[in-house]
Amino acid sequence: MSHSNRGLNEPFYKWIDDVRRAMRKEKELQEKLEFYNMKLIGYKGVSYDFIGSSGSRSSGDSELLFWLDKIVIIENQIRQANQKLSEYKLVIKKLNDIQKTVLESIINNQWIEKIKIEIKQSRSRVYQIIDEIVISWKNQNNQ
């Protein structure tokens, strides 16, 4: 979108990019978490080695910590992505149907011409709707 991509609305378009990224990454992050949890399963067992013995688990402990660290990192990334998606859902809830359609079109990288046809409005009206969405988004973020 070239409309108001700079200036006063720049934080809004940065937020749009963050929401797009969160939508794209959510499934990928869930799959990684599932993979890391599967890797961890082999290391969750109880070790019956004597304390202080040079058991076979000593090398496994470092691998256990490695997978635990990976899981913590992915869970934090999932939390951040979910936070962005929750913000998006809150914004969507406060919009009327036409505004929702426009915002979803912006999120999906559709051009103004396609949006204009979809909602049967003029080009200038589409830009007014975008401005209304930006105002709603700013109001939500100021609370």
Protein backbone atom coordinates (compact mmCIF):
# COMPACT_ATOMS: atom_id res chain seq x y z
CA MET A 1 0.00 0.00 0.00
CA SER A 2 1.40 3.36 -0.88
CA HIS A 3 -1.19 5.40 1.01
CA SER A 4 0.27 7.15 4.06
CA ASN A 5 3.01 4.58 4.31
CA ARG A 6 5.22 7.20 5.86
CA GLY A 7 4.67 9.96 8.32
CA LEU A 8 1.90 9.90 10.88
CA ASN A 9 0.62 6.45 9.94
CA GLU A 10 4.01 4.74 9.87
CA PRO A 11 3.51 3.01 13.27
CA PHE A 12 0.21 1.60 11.98
CA TYR A 13 1.87 0.11 8.90
CA LYS A 14 4.68 -1.29 11.06
CA TRP A 15 1.99 -2.93 13.19
CA ILE A 16 0.38 -4.33 10.00
CA ASP A 17 3.76 -5.85 9.06
CA ASP A 18 4.07 -7.33 12.56
CA VAL A 19 0.59 -8.88 12.30
CA ARG A 20 1.41 -10.36 8.88
CA ARG A 21 4.64 -11.80 10.26
CA ALA A 22 2.83 -13.25 13.30
CA MET A 23 0.22 -14.90 11.05
CA ARG A 24 2.92 -16.36 8.85
CA LYS A 25 5.12 -17.56 11.71
CA GLU A 26 2.45 -18.95 14.05
CA LYS A 27 2.14 -22.37 12.40
CA GLU A 28 5.89 -22.65 11.84
CA LEU A 29 6.61 -21.89 15.50
CA GLN A 30 4.03 -24.44 16.69
CA GLU A 31 5.66 -27.09 14.49
CA LYS A 32 9.11 -26.23 15.86
CA LEU A 33 7.82 -26.44 19.42
CA GLU A 34 6.31 -29.85 18.72
CA PHE A 35 9.61 -31.04 17.21
CA TYR A 36 11.64 -29.76 20.18
CA ASN A 37 9.25 -31.41 22.62
CA MET A 38 9.67 -34.70 20.73
CA LYS A 39 13.45 -34.37 20.98
CA LEU A 40 13.10 -33.66 24.68
CA ILE A 41 11.01 -36.78 25.36
CA GLY A 42 14.09 -38.99 25.12
CA TYR A 43 15.80 -36.96 27.86
CA LYS A 44 12.96 -36.77 30.37
CA GLY A 45 13.58 -40.21 31.86
CA VAL A 46 14.88 -40.73 35.39
CA SER A 47 18.52 -41.66 35.71
CA TYR A 48 19.25 -44.48 38.17
CA ASP A 49 23.01 -43.95 38.08
CA PHE A 50 24.74 -43.57 41.41
CA ILE A 51 25.35 -39.97 42.42
CA GLY A 52 28.86 -39.03 41.41
CA SER A 53 29.26 -41.95 39.02
CA SER A 54 30.33 -41.24 35.50
CA GLY A 55 27.02 -42.38 34.11
CA SER A 56 25.86 -42.21 30.57
CA ARG A 57 23.55 -39.27 31.39
CA SER A 58 26.29 -36.66 31.85
CA SER A 59 26.39 -35.95 28.12
CA GLY A 60 22.61 -36.24 28.02
CA ASP A 61 22.25 -33.48 30.60
CA SER A 62 23.81 -30.93 28.28
CA GLU A 63 21.51 -32.07 25.49
CA LEU A 64 18.56 -31.81 27.88
CA LEU A 65 19.49 -28.20 28.64
CA PHE A 66 19.99 -27.52 24.93
CA TRP A 67 16.44 -28.66 24.08
CA LEU A 68 14.95 -26.90 27.11
CA ASP A 69 16.58 -23.64 26.01
CA LYS A 70 15.22 -24.10 22.48
CA ILE A 71 11.73 -24.74 23.88
CA VAL A 72 11.83 -21.61 26.07
CA ILE A 73 12.93 -19.46 23.12
CA ILE A 74 10.16 -20.83 20.85
CA GLU A 75 7.52 -20.44 23.57
CA ASN A 76 8.52 -16.77 23.96
CA GLN A 77 8.26 -16.25 20.20
CA ILE A 78 4.84 -17.93 20.17
CA ARG A 79 3.72 -15.67 23.03
CA GLN A 80 4.84 -12.57 21.10
CA ALA A 81 3.08 -13.74 17.92
CA ASN A 82 -0.10 -14.49 19.87
CA GLN A 83 0.04 -11.05 21.47
CA LYS A 84 0.12 -9.40 18.01
CA LEU A 85 -2.73 -11.61 16.81
CA SER A 86 -4.77 -10.76 19.92
CA GLU A 87 -4.23 -7.04 19.27
CA TYR A 88 -5.39 -7.59 15.69
CA LYS A 89 -8.53 -9.41 16.87
CA LEU A 90 -9.31 -6.58 19.29
CA VAL A 91 -9.02 -4.01 16.51
CA ILE A 92 -11.19 -6.12 14.19
CA LYS A 93 -13.91 -6.40 16.87
CA LYS A 94 -14.32 -2.64 17.01
CA LEU A 95 -14.69 -2.13 13.26
CA ASN A 96 -17.78 -2.22 11.10
CA ASP A 97 -18.06 -4.73 8.23
CA ILE A 98 -16.60 -2.48 5.54
CA GLN A 99 -13.69 -1.46 7.77
CA LYS A 100 -13.05 -5.14 8.57
CA THR A 101 -12.98 -5.98 4.87
CA VAL A 102 -10.54 -3.15 4.17
CA LEU A 103 -8.23 -4.07 7.07
CA GLU A 104 -8.23 -7.75 6.11
CA SER A 105 -7.45 -6.74 2.53
CA ILE A 106 -4.53 -4.60 3.72
CA ILE A 107 -3.26 -7.49 5.84
CA ASN A 108 -3.48 -9.73 2.75
CA ASN A 109 -1.50 -7.20 0.66
CA GLN A 110 -4.33 -6.41 -1.73
CA TRP A 111 -4.14 -3.29 -3.83
CA ILE A 112 -6.49 -0.35 -3.35
CA GLU A 113 -8.10 -1.05 -6.73
CA LYS A 114 -9.08 -4.57 -5.65
CA ILE A 115 -10.36 -3.30 -2.29
CA LYS A 116 -12.33 -0.58 -4.08
CA ILE A 117 -14.07 -3.15 -6.26
CA GLU A 118 -14.69 -5.54 -3.35
CA ILE A 119 -16.44 -2.98 -1.15
CA LYS A 120 -17.96 -1.01 -4.04
CA GLN A 121 -16.57 2.33 -2.90
CA SER A 122 -14.53 5.06 -4.55
CA ARG A 123 -10.77 5.26 -4.18
CA SER A 124 -11.02 8.33 -1.92
CA ARG A 125 -13.61 6.56 0.25
CA VAL A 126 -11.25 3.59 0.67
CA TYR A 127 -8.56 6.00 1.90
CA GLN A 128 -11.08 7.55 4.31
CA ILE A 129 -11.90 4.09 5.63
CA ILE A 130 -8.20 3.37 6.09
CA ASP A 131 -7.89 6.61 8.06
CA GLU A 132 -10.85 5.56 10.23
CA ILE A 133 -9.13 2.23 10.89
CA VAL A 134 -5.88 3.99 11.81
CA ILE A 135 -7.75 6.24 14.25
CA SER A 136 -9.46 3.22 15.82
CA TRP A 137 -6.09 1.44 16.10
CA LYS A 138 -4.46 4.51 17.67
CA ASN A 139 -7.32 4.86 20.17
CA GLN A 140 -6.94 1.23 21.18
CA ASN A 141 -3.18 1.59 21.68
CA ASN A 142 -3.55 4.75 23.79
CA GLN A 143 -5.76 3.01 26.37
